[in-house]
C-alpha cells in the first residue's frame, strides 16, 4: 500500500491485480479493520459523502467482493460479519486498526504490503 499522486496504490499477491483507489475507495479500504461489517462500511461511506445508504451499498459490496477476488482482503463469517486482514509476511493483525480487510462472506480484511 502506497500513496502516490493523491491516490492510494494497493499491491495484490498477483501484480496484475494491483489497484489504484480514489477517495471513496481509500475510505472503504481503510475502514476494513476486521471489526466492521460491509454494512457498517457502507454506512460510513454514506455518512462521509452525504449519500443515502441504500444508494451506496451495491457499490460497497462490489468493491469488497473485488478486493476479495484479487486476494487483497478476506471476508469473515456471514454476510453481516466483519472483514479482516489476510495472513502474510507483512499483514497487520485483525485486532489492530489497519486499512485492511478480509475474504469470506461479508467482513473484509486486507494485507499490508
C-alpha atoms as a PDB file:
ATOM      1  CA  UNK A   1       0.000   0.000   0.000  1.00  0.00           C
ATOM      2  CA  UNK A   2       1.457   3.340  -1.082  1.00  0.00           C
ATOM      3  CA  UNK A   3       0.215   6.882  -1.527  1.00  0.00           C
ATOM      4  CA  UNK A   4       1.119   8.222  -4.979  1.00  0.00           C
ATOM      5  CA  UNK A   5      -0.038  11.445  -6.636  1.00  0.00           C
ATOM      6  CA  UNK A   6      -3.099  11.693  -4.400  1.00  0.00           C
ATOM      7  CA  UNK A   7      -4.169   8.078  -4.935  1.00  0.00           C
ATOM      8  CA  UNK A   8      -3.726   5.001  -2.790  1.00  0.00           C
ATOM      9  CA  UNK A   9      -1.995   2.155  -4.625  1.00  0.00           C
ATOM     10  CA  UNK A  10      -2.721  -1.355  -3.325  1.00  0.00           C
ATOM     11  CA  UNK A  11      -0.376  -4.230  -4.134  1.00  0.00           C
ATOM     12  CA  UNK A  12      -2.083  -7.590  -4.607  1.00  0.00           C
ATOM     13  CA  UNK A  13      -0.405 -11.011  -4.411  1.00  0.00           C
ATOM     14  CA  UNK A  14      -0.582 -11.092  -8.214  1.00  0.00           C
ATOM     15  CA  UNK A  15       0.871  -7.803  -9.581  1.00  0.00           C
ATOM     16  CA  UNK A  16      -1.726  -7.910 -12.369  1.00  0.00           C
ATOM     17  CA  UNK A  17      -4.353  -7.352  -9.659  1.00  0.00           C
ATOM     18  CA  UNK A  18      -2.794  -4.190  -8.179  1.00  0.00           C
ATOM     19  CA  UNK A  19      -5.287  -1.323  -7.951  1.00  0.00           C
ATOM     20  CA  UNK A  20      -5.339   2.447  -7.552  1.00  0.00           C
ATOM     21  CA  UNK A  21      -8.058   3.824  -5.272  1.00  0.00           C
ATOM     22  CA  UNK A  22      -9.878   7.153  -5.412  1.00  0.00           C
ATOM     23  CA  UNK A  23     -11.129   8.959  -2.277  1.00  0.00           C
ATOM     24  CA  UNK A  24     -14.171   6.747  -1.708  1.00  0.00           C
ATOM     25  CA  UNK A  25     -12.175   3.564  -2.411  1.00  0.00           C
ATOM     26  CA  UNK A  26      -9.489   4.716   0.013  1.00  0.00           C
ATOM     27  CA  UNK A  27     -12.116   5.378   2.699  1.00  0.00           C
ATOM     28  CA  UNK A  28     -13.658   1.936   2.202  1.00  0.00           C
ATOM     29  CA  UNK A  29     -10.275   0.200   2.171  1.00  0.00           C
ATOM     30  CA  UNK A  30      -9.099   1.946   5.332  1.00  0.00           C
ATOM     31  CA  UNK A  31     -12.392   1.034   7.050  1.00  0.00           C
ATOM     32  CA  UNK A  32     -11.626  -2.668   6.623  1.00  0.00           C
ATOM     33  CA  UNK A  33     -10.317  -3.443  10.087  1.00  0.00           C
ATOM     34  CA  UNK A  34     -11.559  -6.906  10.955  1.00  0.00           C
ATOM     35  CA  UNK A  35     -14.308  -5.463  13.134  1.00  0.00           C
ATOM     36  CA  UNK A  36     -16.624  -3.591  10.759  1.00  0.00           C
ATOM     37  CA  UNK A  37     -19.115  -5.413   8.569  1.00  0.00           C
ATOM     38  CA  UNK A  38     -19.677  -4.484   4.941  1.00  0.00           C
ATOM     39  CA  UNK A  39     -22.934  -2.822   6.031  1.00  0.00           C
ATOM     40  CA  UNK A  40     -21.065  -0.704   8.585  1.00  0.00           C
ATOM     41  CA  UNK A  41     -18.516   0.291   5.960  1.00  0.00           C
ATOM     42  CA  UNK A  42     -21.408   1.305   3.692  1.00  0.00           C
ATOM     43  CA  UNK A  43     -22.898   3.428   6.475  1.00  0.00           C
ATOM     44  CA  UNK A  44     -19.537   5.144   6.974  1.00  0.00           C
ATOM     45  CA  UNK A  45     -19.210   5.936   3.255  1.00  0.00           C
ATOM     46  CA  UNK A  46     -22.797   7.180   3.090  1.00  0.00           C
ATOM     47  CA  UNK A  47     -22.310   9.469   6.090  1.00  0.00           C
ATOM     48  CA  UNK A  48     -18.951  10.771   4.842  1.00  0.00           C
ATOM     49  CA  UNK A  49     -20.164  11.614   1.345  1.00  0.00           C
ATOM     50  CA  UNK A  50     -23.790  12.508   2.202  1.00  0.00           C
ATOM     51  CA  UNK A  51     -25.234   9.679   0.104  1.00  0.00           C
ATOM     52  CA  UNK A  52     -28.222   7.552   1.171  1.00  0.00           C
ATOM     53  CA  UNK A  53     -27.035   4.136   2.388  1.00  0.00           C
ATOM     54  CA  UNK A  54     -29.354   2.279   0.009  1.00  0.00           C
ATOM     55  CA  UNK A  55     -27.759   4.110  -2.944  1.00  0.00           C
ATOM     56  CA  UNK A  56     -24.169   3.231  -1.972  1.00  0.00           C
ATOM     57  CA  UNK A  57     -24.442  -0.368  -0.679  1.00  0.00           C
ATOM     58  CA  UNK A  58     -24.286  -2.063  -4.077  1.00  0.00           C
ATOM     59  CA  UNK A  59     -21.021  -0.233  -4.816  1.00  0.00           C
ATOM     60  CA  UNK A  60     -19.574  -1.117  -1.393  1.00  0.00           C
ATOM     61  CA  UNK A  61     -20.473  -4.800  -1.775  1.00  0.00           C
ATOM     62  CA  UNK A  62     -18.992  -4.847  -5.293  1.00  0.00           C
ATOM     63  CA  UNK A  63     -15.815  -3.088  -4.095  1.00  0.00           C
ATOM     64  CA  UNK A  64     -15.260  -5.520  -1.209  1.00  0.00           C
ATOM     65  CA  UNK A  65     -16.008  -8.527  -3.439  1.00  0.00           C
ATOM     66  CA  UNK A  66     -13.467  -7.242  -5.982  1.00  0.00           C
ATOM     67  CA  UNK A  67     -10.829  -6.907  -3.242  1.00  0.00           C
ATOM     68  CA  UNK A  68     -11.601 -10.485  -2.221  1.00  0.00           C
ATOM     69  CA  UNK A  69     -11.270 -11.788  -5.777  1.00  0.00           C
ATOM     70  CA  UNK A  70      -7.890 -10.049  -6.036  1.00  0.00           C
ATOM     71  CA  UNK A  71      -6.887 -11.692  -2.714  1.00  0.00           C
ATOM     72  CA  UNK A  72      -6.306  -8.296  -1.148  1.00  0.00           C
ATOM     73  CA  UNK A  73      -8.942  -8.819   1.546  1.00  0.00           C
ATOM     74  CA  UNK A  74     -10.712 -11.752   3.105  1.00  0.00           C
ATOM     75  CA  UNK A  75     -14.346 -11.822   4.211  1.00  0.00           C
ATOM     76  CA  UNK A  76     -15.022 -13.422   7.578  1.00  0.00           C
ATOM     77  CA  UNK A  77     -18.232 -15.168   8.549  1.00  0.00           C
ATOM     78  CA  UNK A  78     -21.751 -14.463   7.352  1.00  0.00           C
ATOM     79  CA  UNK A  79     -22.812 -11.590   5.156  1.00  0.00           C
ATOM     80  CA  UNK A  80     -23.304  -9.410   8.206  1.00  0.00           C
ATOM     81  CA  UNK A  81     -19.946 -10.304   9.814  1.00  0.00           C
ATOM     82  CA  UNK A  82     -16.669  -8.354   9.965  1.00  0.00           C
ATOM     83  CA  UNK A  83     -13.892  -8.178   7.374  1.00  0.00           C
ATOM     84  CA  UNK A  84     -10.277  -8.906   8.441  1.00  0.00           C
ATOM     85  CA  UNK A  85      -6.682  -8.914   7.070  1.00  0.00           C
ATOM     86  CA  UNK A  86      -5.322 -11.884   5.150  1.00  0.00           C
ATOM     87  CA  UNK A  87      -2.287 -13.551   6.702  1.00  0.00           C
ATOM     88  CA  UNK A  88       1.011 -12.688   5.091  1.00  0.00           C
ATOM     89  CA  UNK A  89       4.547 -11.672   5.884  1.00  0.00           C
ATOM     90  CA  UNK A  90       3.573  -8.021   6.257  1.00  0.00           C
ATOM     91  CA  UNK A  91      -0.031  -8.438   7.429  1.00  0.00           C
ATOM     92  CA  UNK A  92      -1.364  -6.403  10.317  1.00  0.00           C
ATOM     93  CA  UNK A  93      -3.299  -8.367  12.944  1.00  0.00           C
ATOM     94  CA  UNK A  94      -7.062  -8.014  12.601  1.00  0.00           C
ATOM     95  CA  UNK A  95      -7.196  -6.648  16.131  1.00  0.00           C
ATOM     96  CA  UNK A  96      -5.110  -3.590  15.259  1.00  0.00           C
ATOM     97  CA  UNK A  97      -6.729  -0.671  13.451  1.00  0.00           C
ATOM     98  CA  UNK A  98      -5.352  -1.011   9.949  1.00  0.00           C
ATOM     99  CA  UNK A  99      -6.508  -0.157   6.444  1.00  0.00           C
ATOM    100  CA  UNK A 100      -7.061  -3.779   5.554  1.00  0.00           C
ATOM    101  CA  UNK A 101      -9.829  -6.349   5.098  1.00  0.00           C
ATOM    102  CA  UNK A 102     -10.882  -9.998   4.788  1.00  0.00           C
ATOM    103  CA  UNK A 103     -12.164 -12.526   2.303  1.00  0.00           C
ATOM    104  CA  UNK A 104     -15.035 -14.766   3.360  1.00  0.00           C
ATOM    105  CA  UNK A 105     -18.585 -13.557   3.265  1.00  0.00           C
ATOM    106  CA  UNK A 106     -19.135 -10.028   4.411  1.00  0.00           C
ATOM    107  CA  UNK A 107     -16.420  -8.849   6.754  1.00  0.00           C
ATOM    108  CA  UNK A 108     -13.445  -7.672   4.744  1.00  0.00           C
ATOM    109  CA  UNK A 109      -9.828  -7.728   5.818  1.00  0.00           C
ATOM    110  CA  UNK A 110      -6.657  -6.878   3.899  1.00  0.00           C
ATOM    111  CA  UNK A 111      -2.939  -7.341   3.718  1.00  0.00           C
ATOM    112  CA  UNK A 112      -0.435  -4.548   4.403  1.00  0.00           C
ATOM    113  CA  UNK A 113       2.048  -4.542   1.566  1.00  0.00           C
END
